[in-house]
């Protein structure tokens, strides 16, 4: 990876990040920051619980998407757009500070279960 190329940091390893990494041109030095080092194809997750397919068949390591990338096993905690820096909490190490030319936020979402209301009227 030549240092003359613009540096791009991608936060996350979900659908958006994985697709971007696979289809991005070679004109960037790519760094991926995520607490997970793999892409999980979630639509097939229910099939793994009933034994239709094996769990290992619905995950793909992020490094398989592209050979020339750097991966940091960390969770991003803050993004300073003025300084163009990302502060991360490393999974295996301490804090990591990165300065990049560009950033892509592809962290996805987290699902929260619906909490029942205090006075749930029940079925109508």
Foldseek 3Di string as FASTA:
>chain_A
DDPVAFEEEEEADEPVVLVCLLPPDPRYAYEYEYLDQKYFPPVCVVVCVVPVDPRVVRIDGSCVSDVRYHYFNWHWDDADPVQQWTWTQGPVDGIDIDHGPYYHYDHDDDDDDDDDDPCDVPDD
